[in-house]
Amino acid sequence: MVAQLKTFGDFDTHFNKDTDEITADGVLTVSKEGREKAKYPEFLPQWDPNQKFPPLKFFKHEDPGLRADPGFPNLLPKDGTQKVQRVTPKLGTEITGVQLSQLDDRGKDELALLVAQRGVVIFRDQDFAKHGPTFATNFGKHFGRLHIHPTSGAPKDHPELHITYRRADPNEFDRVFSERVNAITWHSDVSYELQPPGITFFSVLEGPDSGGDTIFADSVEAYKRLSPEFQKRLAGLHVLHTSGDQALNSRRAGGVERRKPVSHIHPLIRTHPVTKEKIIFLNRPFSRRIVELKQEESDYLLNFLYNHIELAHDLQLRARWEPNTVVVWDNRRVLHSAVIDWDEPISRHAFRITPQAERPVEDLKDLNKEELEIGDVVEAISNLK
């Protein structure tokens, strides 16, 4: 079988029973020292074991990029002072001179279109942090129903914000590398959900002067690199995605489980509703098996596709976190990984806004259909017998 990485238990989204604290009312929080030193305490995570949410239900999603003016007059006005530079020819754009917090709804629609087209867009000199968690939450709602993570920390009264918080503890570096020689873990956020995220926002509030970058890989370009015959072989295949290991890692760390673990089947090749491009939709942490194949066949094909995407540096980019940077990516199109490469006792604190998108489909004629049987885990189990 494909080896599953011990991933999320080693990173910075779960409660750490060795260093964090529990309040008198049972809420899990970062340490007192961490709270006192935080530059943005209003964004610090907490984990309330009494906070429970029901299973997520299907909803029809209209991508805001479909409403956008392709000339980007509201996002990138011709008389503006913005600077736009491609990071690589096919993936990634860096923009200065545009303040995301000032965009109206038309500008947000155009942002969604640009992110769909470029995969990753890096915005410098943003004031997102100073507006606080309520603003961030309301901003994200324009792009879809906000995802509430089942195990990660969130600011008080803002469960829709996903917080990553690496503690300023010298032991953190050793904890990450105690069982692995590198910490690179390519993934697509919460792909196990029935409707995984689309346009995703990430802002680092504080971190090291250098290091802690995020790397991205383009699954659209990865699909285009395959031969036509190989592309045909991938058509019609489906992959089982599950949150089981992530939930287990949270429990082992003494953390929470706001919703029960879920599993869903998604097409191996999905079609983007805005660009109409084909995407290889899988990742090591959450993808488990191609349901139409026998176990050994599935392992062989999954490993080939993982390596194809992860090792091809010519379809990847590296985003560097300058102060006040916000990176927006299309979680349908790109995989990403944190880079844990600094061992100084410096905290790295960030928040993610995670709007959900459509249920993945291979054929857009099936877009927004709730009754697709292949997405039912019951059928997945039947196919695996």
Protein backbone atom coordinates (compact mmCIF):
# COMPACT_ATOMS: atom_id res chain seq x y z
CA MET A 1 0.00 0.00 0.00
CA VAL A 2 0.99 3.64 -0.44
CA ALA A 3 2.76 4.72 2.74
CA GLN A 4 0.86 7.38 4.66
CA LEU A 5 2.92 10.21 6.09
CA LYS A 6 2.76 11.27 9.72
CA THR A 7 1.98 14.77 8.65
CA PHE A 8 -0.51 16.89 10.46
CA GLY A 9 0.43 15.71 13.93
CA ASP A 10 3.88 17.23 13.35
CA PHE A 11 2.79 20.61 12.08
CA ASP A 12 1.28 23.71 13.60
CA THR A 13 -2.49 23.38 13.52
CA HIS A 14 -3.16 21.12 16.51
CA PHE A 15 -3.12 21.68 20.25
CA ASN A 16 0.20 20.65 21.80
CA LYS A 17 -0.36 19.02 25.18
CA ASP A 18 3.34 19.42 26.08
CA THR A 19 3.45 23.23 25.80
CA ASP A 20 -0.09 24.61 25.61
CA GLU A 21 -2.58 25.20 28.42
CA ILE A 22 -6.14 24.35 29.42
CA THR A 23 -8.34 27.06 30.94
CA ALA A 24 -10.62 26.55 33.95
CA ASP A 25 -13.59 26.00 31.64
CA GLY A 26 -11.74 23.35 29.64
CA VAL A 27 -10.79 25.40 26.57
CA LEU A 28 -7.36 24.59 25.12
CA THR A 29 -5.14 27.62 24.46
CA VAL A 30 -1.55 28.48 23.63
CA SER A 31 0.73 29.11 26.61
CA LYS A 32 0.60 32.30 28.67
CA GLU A 33 4.03 33.25 27.36
CA GLY A 34 2.83 32.77 23.80
CA ARG A 35 -0.24 34.91 24.41
CA GLU A 36 1.81 37.72 25.94
CA LYS A 37 4.32 37.81 23.07
CA ALA A 38 1.82 37.53 20.21
CA LYS A 39 1.67 40.57 17.92
CA TYR A 40 -1.92 39.73 16.98
CA PRO A 41 -3.49 38.05 20.01
CA GLU A 42 -6.96 38.41 18.51
CA PHE A 43 -5.91 35.80 15.91
CA LEU A 44 -4.47 33.29 18.39
CA PRO A 45 -6.00 29.82 18.19
CA GLN A 46 -8.02 28.05 20.80
CA TRP A 47 -9.54 24.58 20.79
CA ASP A 48 -12.84 24.11 22.60
CA PRO A 49 -13.62 20.40 23.12
CA ASN A 50 -17.28 21.28 23.71
CA GLN A 51 -17.61 22.96 20.33
CA LYS A 52 -19.28 20.53 17.93
CA PHE A 53 -20.61 20.99 14.43
CA PRO A 54 -22.96 18.80 12.35
CA PRO A 55 -21.83 17.13 9.12
CA LEU A 56 -21.47 19.53 6.22
CA LYS A 57 -24.33 19.50 3.74
CA PHE A 58 -24.31 19.95 -0.01
CA PHE A 59 -24.91 23.43 -1.41
CA LYS A 60 -24.91 24.81 -4.93
CA HIS A 61 -21.85 26.95 -5.58
CA GLU A 62 -21.49 29.60 -8.25
CA ASP A 63 -17.88 30.57 -8.72
CA PRO A 64 -17.56 34.38 -8.52
CA GLY A 65 -15.01 34.21 -11.31
CA LEU A 66 -17.84 33.39 -13.72
CA ARG A 67 -19.32 36.85 -13.04
CA ALA A 68 -16.05 38.72 -13.57
CA ASP A 69 -15.06 41.18 -16.27
CA PRO A 70 -12.02 39.55 -17.95
CA GLY A 71 -10.47 42.97 -18.44
CA PHE A 72 -10.10 43.35 -14.64
CA PRO A 73 -11.16 47.05 -14.60
CA ASN A 74 -11.97 47.01 -10.89
CA LEU A 75 -9.06 44.89 -9.67
CA LEU A 76 -6.39 46.31 -11.99
CA PRO A 77 -7.66 49.68 -13.31
CA LYS A 78 -5.69 51.06 -16.24
CA ASP A 79 -5.12 54.36 -14.44
CA GLY A 80 -3.88 52.62 -11.28
CA THR A 81 -0.38 52.50 -9.85
CA GLN A 82 -0.29 48.75 -9.37
CA LYS A 83 2.63 46.61 -10.48
CA VAL A 84 1.87 43.15 -11.86
CA GLN A 85 4.62 40.60 -12.43
CA ARG A 86 4.42 36.92 -13.35
CA VAL A 87 6.27 34.63 -10.96
CA THR A 88 6.61 31.91 -13.61
CA PRO A 89 5.23 31.89 -17.17
CA LYS A 90 2.28 29.61 -16.34
CA LEU A 91 1.88 29.73 -12.55
CA GLY A 92 1.77 32.64 -10.16
CA THR A 93 1.47 36.43 -10.28
CA GLU A 94 2.81 38.99 -7.79
CA ILE A 95 0.95 42.28 -7.36
CA THR A 96 1.78 45.47 -5.47
CA GLY A 97 -0.35 48.61 -5.33
CA VAL A 98 -3.71 46.83 -4.85
CA GLN A 99 -5.31 46.82 -1.40
CA LEU A 100 -7.53 43.74 -1.07
CA SER A 101 -9.51 45.19 1.83
CA GLN A 102 -10.74 48.01 -0.44
CA LEU A 103 -12.14 45.82 -3.22
CA ASP A 104 -15.85 46.04 -3.97
CA ASP A 105 -17.84 43.00 -5.06
CA ARG A 106 -16.88 43.43 -8.72
CA GLY A 107 -13.23 43.61 -7.76
CA LYS A 108 -13.59 40.44 -5.70
CA ASP A 109 -15.18 38.66 -8.66
CA GLU A 110 -12.24 39.69 -10.83
CA LEU A 111 -9.85 38.49 -8.14
CA ALA A 112 -11.49 35.06 -8.28
CA LEU A 113 -11.05 34.98 -12.06
CA LEU A 114 -7.40 36.01 -11.88
CA VAL A 115 -6.64 33.37 -9.24
CA ALA A 116 -8.37 30.70 -11.34
CA GLN A 117 -6.26 31.71 -14.34
CA ARG A 118 -2.91 32.06 -12.56
CA GLY A 119 -3.29 29.52 -9.74
CA VAL A 120 -1.46 31.64 -7.14
CA VAL A 121 -1.52 35.42 -6.69
CA ILE A 122 0.81 37.12 -4.17
CA PHE A 123 -0.25 40.52 -2.80
CA ARG A 124 2.27 42.69 -0.95
CA ASP A 125 1.74 45.52 1.56
CA GLN A 126 -1.73 44.43 2.71
CA ASP A 127 -3.63 45.74 5.75
CA PHE A 128 -5.67 42.58 6.31
CA ALA A 129 -4.29 41.94 9.79
CA LYS A 130 -5.21 45.30 11.28
CA HIS A 131 -8.89 44.84 10.35
CA GLY A 132 -9.22 41.80 12.62
CA PRO A 133 -10.94 38.40 12.45
CA THR A 134 -14.47 39.70 11.81
CA PHE A 135 -13.38 41.56 8.69
CA ALA A 136 -11.44 38.55 7.42
CA THR A 137 -14.47 36.32 7.90
CA ASN A 138 -16.86 38.68 6.12
CA PHE A 139 -14.39 39.20 3.28
CA GLY A 140 -14.12 35.47 2.65
CA LYS A 141 -17.87 34.90 2.51
CA HIS A 142 -18.02 36.58 -0.90
CA PHE A 143 -16.18 33.60 -2.41
CA GLY A 144 -18.27 30.78 -0.96
CA ARG A 145 -19.50 29.14 2.22
CA LEU A 146 -16.66 29.28 4.73
CA HIS A 147 -15.22 25.97 5.82
CA ILE A 148 -14.94 25.21 9.54
CA HIS A 149 -11.98 22.93 10.11
CA PRO A 150 -12.73 19.82 12.20
CA THR A 151 -9.51 19.86 14.26
CA SER A 152 -7.40 23.02 13.89
CA GLY A 153 -7.40 26.04 16.18
CA ALA A 154 -9.51 29.13 15.54
CA PRO A 155 -9.81 32.56 17.17
CA LYS A 156 -12.47 32.95 19.83
CA ASP A 157 -15.92 33.41 18.21
CA HIS A 158 -14.48 32.92 14.71
CA PRO A 159 -14.46 29.16 13.98
CA GLU A 160 -14.35 29.84 10.22
CA LEU A 161 -10.73 31.01 10.41
CA HIS A 162 -8.06 28.32 10.26
CA ILE A 163 -5.02 29.26 12.36
CA THR A 164 -1.51 27.90 12.00
CA TYR A 165 0.72 28.63 14.96
CA ARG A 166 4.24 27.28 15.29
CA ARG A 167 5.42 27.94 18.80
CA ALA A 168 8.67 29.79 19.64
CA ASP A 169 10.04 26.66 21.26
CA PRO A 170 13.52 25.31 20.41
CA ASN A 171 12.06 21.81 20.55
CA GLU A 172 9.63 22.52 17.70
CA PHE A 173 12.27 21.97 15.03
CA ASP A 174 13.29 18.64 16.57
CA ARG A 175 9.65 17.63 16.94
CA VAL A 176 9.02 18.17 13.25
CA PHE A 177 12.09 16.19 12.16
CA SER A 178 12.07 13.45 14.79
CA GLU A 179 10.82 10.86 12.29
CA ARG A 180 11.37 12.48 8.89
CA VAL A 181 14.37 13.83 7.00
CA ASN A 182 12.31 16.62 5.42
CA ALA A 183 9.03 18.30 6.25
CA ILE A 184 7.68 18.82 2.73
CA THR A 185 4.10 17.57 2.58
CA TRP A 186 2.35 18.43 -0.65
CA HIS A 187 -1.40 18.64 -0.16
CA SER A 188 -4.67 20.20 -1.21
CA ASP A 189 -6.54 21.56 1.80
CA VAL A 190 -9.32 19.32 3.18
CA SER A 191 -9.83 17.46 -0.11
CA TYR A 192 -11.78 14.89 1.88
CA GLU A 193 -14.82 17.18 2.11
CA LEU A 194 -17.74 16.73 -0.27
CA GLN A 195 -17.04 20.26 -1.49
CA PRO A 196 -13.36 21.11 -0.98
CA PRO A 197 -12.17 24.74 -1.00
CA GLY A 198 -11.63 26.88 -4.07
CA ILE A 199 -10.27 30.43 -3.73
CA THR A 200 -8.16 30.39 -0.55
CA PHE A 201 -6.51 33.25 1.38
CA PHE A 202 -3.45 32.95 3.63
CA SER A 203 -1.80 35.71 5.64
CA VAL A 204 1.29 35.34 7.84
CA LEU A 205 0.96 37.63 10.87
CA GLU A 206 4.45 37.05 12.23
CA GLY A 207 7.34 34.78 11.40
CA PRO A 208 11.09 34.55 10.81
CA ASP A 209 12.93 37.14 8.72
CA SER A 210 13.83 34.38 6.29
CA GLY A 211 12.46 30.89 5.86
CA GLY A 212 8.98 29.55 6.35
CA ASP A 213 8.09 29.94 2.68
CA THR A 214 5.23 28.11 0.97
CA ILE A 215 5.75 26.12 -2.22
CA PHE A 216 3.07 25.47 -4.84
CA ALA A 217 2.71 22.94 -7.66
CA ASP A 218 0.40 23.28 -10.66
CA SER A 219 -1.84 20.26 -11.23
CA VAL A 220 -3.24 21.78 -14.44
CA GLU A 221 0.18 21.89 -16.07
CA ALA A 222 0.94 18.45 -14.63
CA TYR A 223 -2.07 17.04 -16.48
CA LYS A 224 -1.03 18.73 -19.74
CA ARG A 225 2.43 17.13 -19.53
CA LEU A 226 0.93 13.63 -19.74
CA SER A 227 0.65 11.90 -23.10
CA PRO A 228 -2.81 11.83 -24.74
CA GLU A 229 -3.00 8.06 -24.26
CA PHE A 230 -2.18 8.35 -20.57
CA GLN A 231 -4.75 11.10 -20.14
CA LYS A 232 -7.36 8.78 -21.65
CA ARG A 233 -6.46 6.06 -19.13
CA LEU A 234 -7.04 8.43 -16.21
CA ALA A 235 -10.47 9.47 -17.44
CA GLY A 236 -13.34 8.01 -15.46
CA LEU A 237 -11.24 7.01 -12.43
CA HIS A 238 -12.18 8.10 -8.90
CA VAL A 239 -10.16 8.51 -5.69
CA LEU A 240 -11.21 7.96 -2.09
CA HIS A 241 -10.22 10.89 0.17
CA THR A 242 -10.44 10.70 3.98
CA SER A 243 -9.82 12.86 7.05
CA GLY A 244 -9.27 9.88 9.34
CA ASP A 245 -5.52 10.30 9.85
CA GLN A 246 -5.83 14.03 10.47
CA ALA A 247 -8.45 13.43 13.16
CA LEU A 248 -6.31 10.71 14.74
CA ASN A 249 -3.28 13.01 14.91
CA SER A 250 -5.37 15.67 16.64
CA ARG A 251 -6.59 13.22 19.27
CA ARG A 252 -3.05 11.94 19.87
CA ALA A 253 -1.88 15.50 20.50
CA GLY A 254 -4.68 16.04 23.02
CA GLY A 255 -6.69 18.16 20.61
CA VAL A 256 -10.29 18.39 19.51
CA GLU A 257 -12.67 16.84 17.00
CA ARG A 258 -15.42 19.30 16.06
CA ARG A 259 -16.90 17.00 13.43
CA LYS A 260 -16.60 13.29 12.87
CA PRO A 261 -14.05 12.18 10.25
CA VAL A 262 -15.43 11.93 6.72
CA SER A 263 -14.55 10.21 3.47
CA HIS A 264 -15.67 11.07 -0.05
CA ILE A 265 -14.91 9.92 -3.55
CA HIS A 266 -13.87 12.52 -6.13
CA PRO A 267 -12.87 12.17 -9.78
CA LEU A 268 -9.15 11.71 -10.29
CA ILE A 269 -9.39 14.26 -13.10
CA ARG A 270 -11.68 17.18 -12.30
CA THR A 271 -12.63 20.08 -14.57
CA HIS A 272 -12.34 23.69 -13.43
CA PRO A 273 -15.71 25.46 -13.80
CA VAL A 274 -14.12 28.80 -14.77
CA THR A 275 -11.14 27.93 -16.96
CA LYS A 276 -12.56 24.58 -18.17
CA GLU A 277 -9.09 23.06 -17.72
CA LYS A 278 -8.44 19.51 -16.51
CA ILE A 279 -6.81 19.04 -13.08
CA ILE A 280 -5.15 16.02 -11.45
CA PHE A 281 -6.95 16.05 -8.10
CA LEU A 282 -5.14 14.01 -5.46
CA ASN A 283 -2.62 14.38 -2.62
CA ARG A 284 -0.71 12.04 -0.31
CA PRO A 285 -2.16 13.07 3.09
CA PHE A 286 -5.82 12.59 2.16
CA SER A 287 -6.04 10.40 -0.96
CA ARG A 288 -6.15 6.69 -0.27
CA ARG A 289 -7.13 4.63 -3.27
CA ILE A 290 -8.37 4.64 -6.84
CA VAL A 291 -11.60 2.76 -6.31
CA GLU A 292 -11.81 1.18 -9.78
CA LEU A 293 -8.39 -0.50 -9.41
CA LYS A 294 -6.97 -3.26 -7.26
CA GLN A 295 -4.81 -2.16 -4.35
CA GLU A 296 -1.42 -2.74 -5.99
CA GLU A 297 -2.56 -1.13 -9.23
CA SER A 298 -3.87 1.88 -7.34
CA ASP A 299 -0.66 2.26 -5.32
CA TYR A 300 1.46 2.13 -8.46
CA LEU A 301 -0.57 4.76 -10.30
CA LEU A 302 -0.97 7.06 -7.30
CA ASN A 303 2.77 7.02 -6.60
CA PHE A 304 3.52 7.86 -10.22
CA LEU A 305 1.15 10.83 -10.14
CA TYR A 306 2.39 12.04 -6.73
CA ASN A 307 6.00 11.96 -7.92
CA HIS A 308 5.09 13.56 -11.24
CA ILE A 309 3.62 16.61 -9.48
CA GLU A 310 5.96 16.82 -6.50
CA LEU A 311 9.28 16.39 -8.31
CA ALA A 312 8.62 18.61 -11.34
CA HIS A 313 10.21 21.88 -10.25
CA ASP A 314 9.38 23.36 -13.65
CA LEU A 315 5.68 23.49 -12.72
CA GLN A 316 6.20 24.90 -9.23
CA LEU A 317 6.85 28.21 -7.48
CA ARG A 318 8.03 29.37 -4.05
CA ALA A 319 6.16 32.18 -2.26
CA ARG A 320 8.25 34.24 0.17
CA TRP A 321 6.48 35.79 3.13
CA GLU A 322 7.41 39.44 3.44
CA PRO A 323 5.58 41.39 6.18
CA ASN A 324 1.94 42.13 5.28
CA THR A 325 1.80 39.62 2.45
CA VAL A 326 -1.44 37.84 1.52
CA VAL A 327 -1.29 34.88 -0.86
CA VAL A 328 -4.44 33.80 -2.66
CA TRP A 329 -4.52 30.43 -4.39
CA ASP A 330 -6.97 28.12 -6.12
CA ASN A 331 -7.09 25.01 -3.96
CA ARG A 332 -8.65 23.07 -6.83
CA ARG A 333 -5.69 23.68 -9.10
CA VAL A 334 -2.56 23.73 -6.92
CA LEU A 335 -0.96 21.61 -4.25
CA HIS A 336 1.14 23.36 -1.62
CA SER A 337 3.46 22.67 1.28
CA ALA A 338 4.89 24.66 4.15
CA VAL A 339 8.69 24.87 4.30
CA ILE A 340 9.99 24.28 7.83
CA ASP A 341 13.60 25.43 7.46
CA TRP A 342 14.33 27.67 10.47
CA ASP A 343 15.32 26.44 13.91
CA GLU A 344 15.48 29.74 15.80
CA PRO A 345 12.93 30.07 18.65
CA ILE A 346 10.67 32.32 16.58
CA SER A 347 6.93 31.79 16.32
CA ARG A 348 5.14 31.65 12.98
CA HIS A 349 1.52 32.74 13.24
CA ALA A 350 -0.86 32.85 10.28
CA PHE A 351 -4.53 32.61 9.37
CA ARG A 352 -6.36 31.07 6.44
CA ILE A 353 -9.75 32.00 4.98
CA THR A 354 -11.17 28.91 3.31
CA PRO A 355 -14.31 29.32 1.16
CA GLN A 356 -15.71 26.04 -0.12
CA ALA A 357 -16.31 25.56 -3.83
CA GLU A 358 -18.25 23.14 -6.01
CA ARG A 359 -18.34 19.40 -5.68
CA PRO A 360 -15.54 18.13 -7.95
CA VAL A 361 -16.77 16.82 -11.29
CA GLU A 362 -15.01 15.51 -14.36
CA ASP A 363 -17.78 16.61 -16.73
CA LEU A 364 -19.22 20.09 -16.17
CA LYS A 365 -22.69 18.84 -17.13
CA ASP A 366 -22.69 17.31 -13.63
CA LEU A 367 -21.82 20.59 -11.91
CA ASN A 368 -23.87 21.29 -8.77
CA LYS A 369 -25.71 17.97 -8.86
CA GLU A 370 -26.26 16.72 -5.34
CA GLU A 371 -27.29 13.20 -6.29
CA LEU A 372 -24.01 12.03 -7.88
CA GLU A 373 -23.72 8.52 -6.46
CA ILE A 374 -19.97 8.22 -6.94
CA GLY A 375 -19.44 10.78 -4.17
CA ASP A 376 -21.07 8.52 -1.61
CA VAL A 377 -18.61 6.68 0.62
CA VAL A 378 -21.04 3.77 0.78
CA GLU A 379 -20.41 3.14 -2.89
CA ALA A 380 -16.69 3.51 -2.28
CA ILE A 381 -16.75 0.74 0.29
CA SER A 382 -18.76 -1.43 -2.07
CA ASN A 383 -16.22 -0.91 -4.85
CA LEU A 384 -13.32 -1.78 -2.56
CA LYS A 385 -14.69 -5.20 -1.58
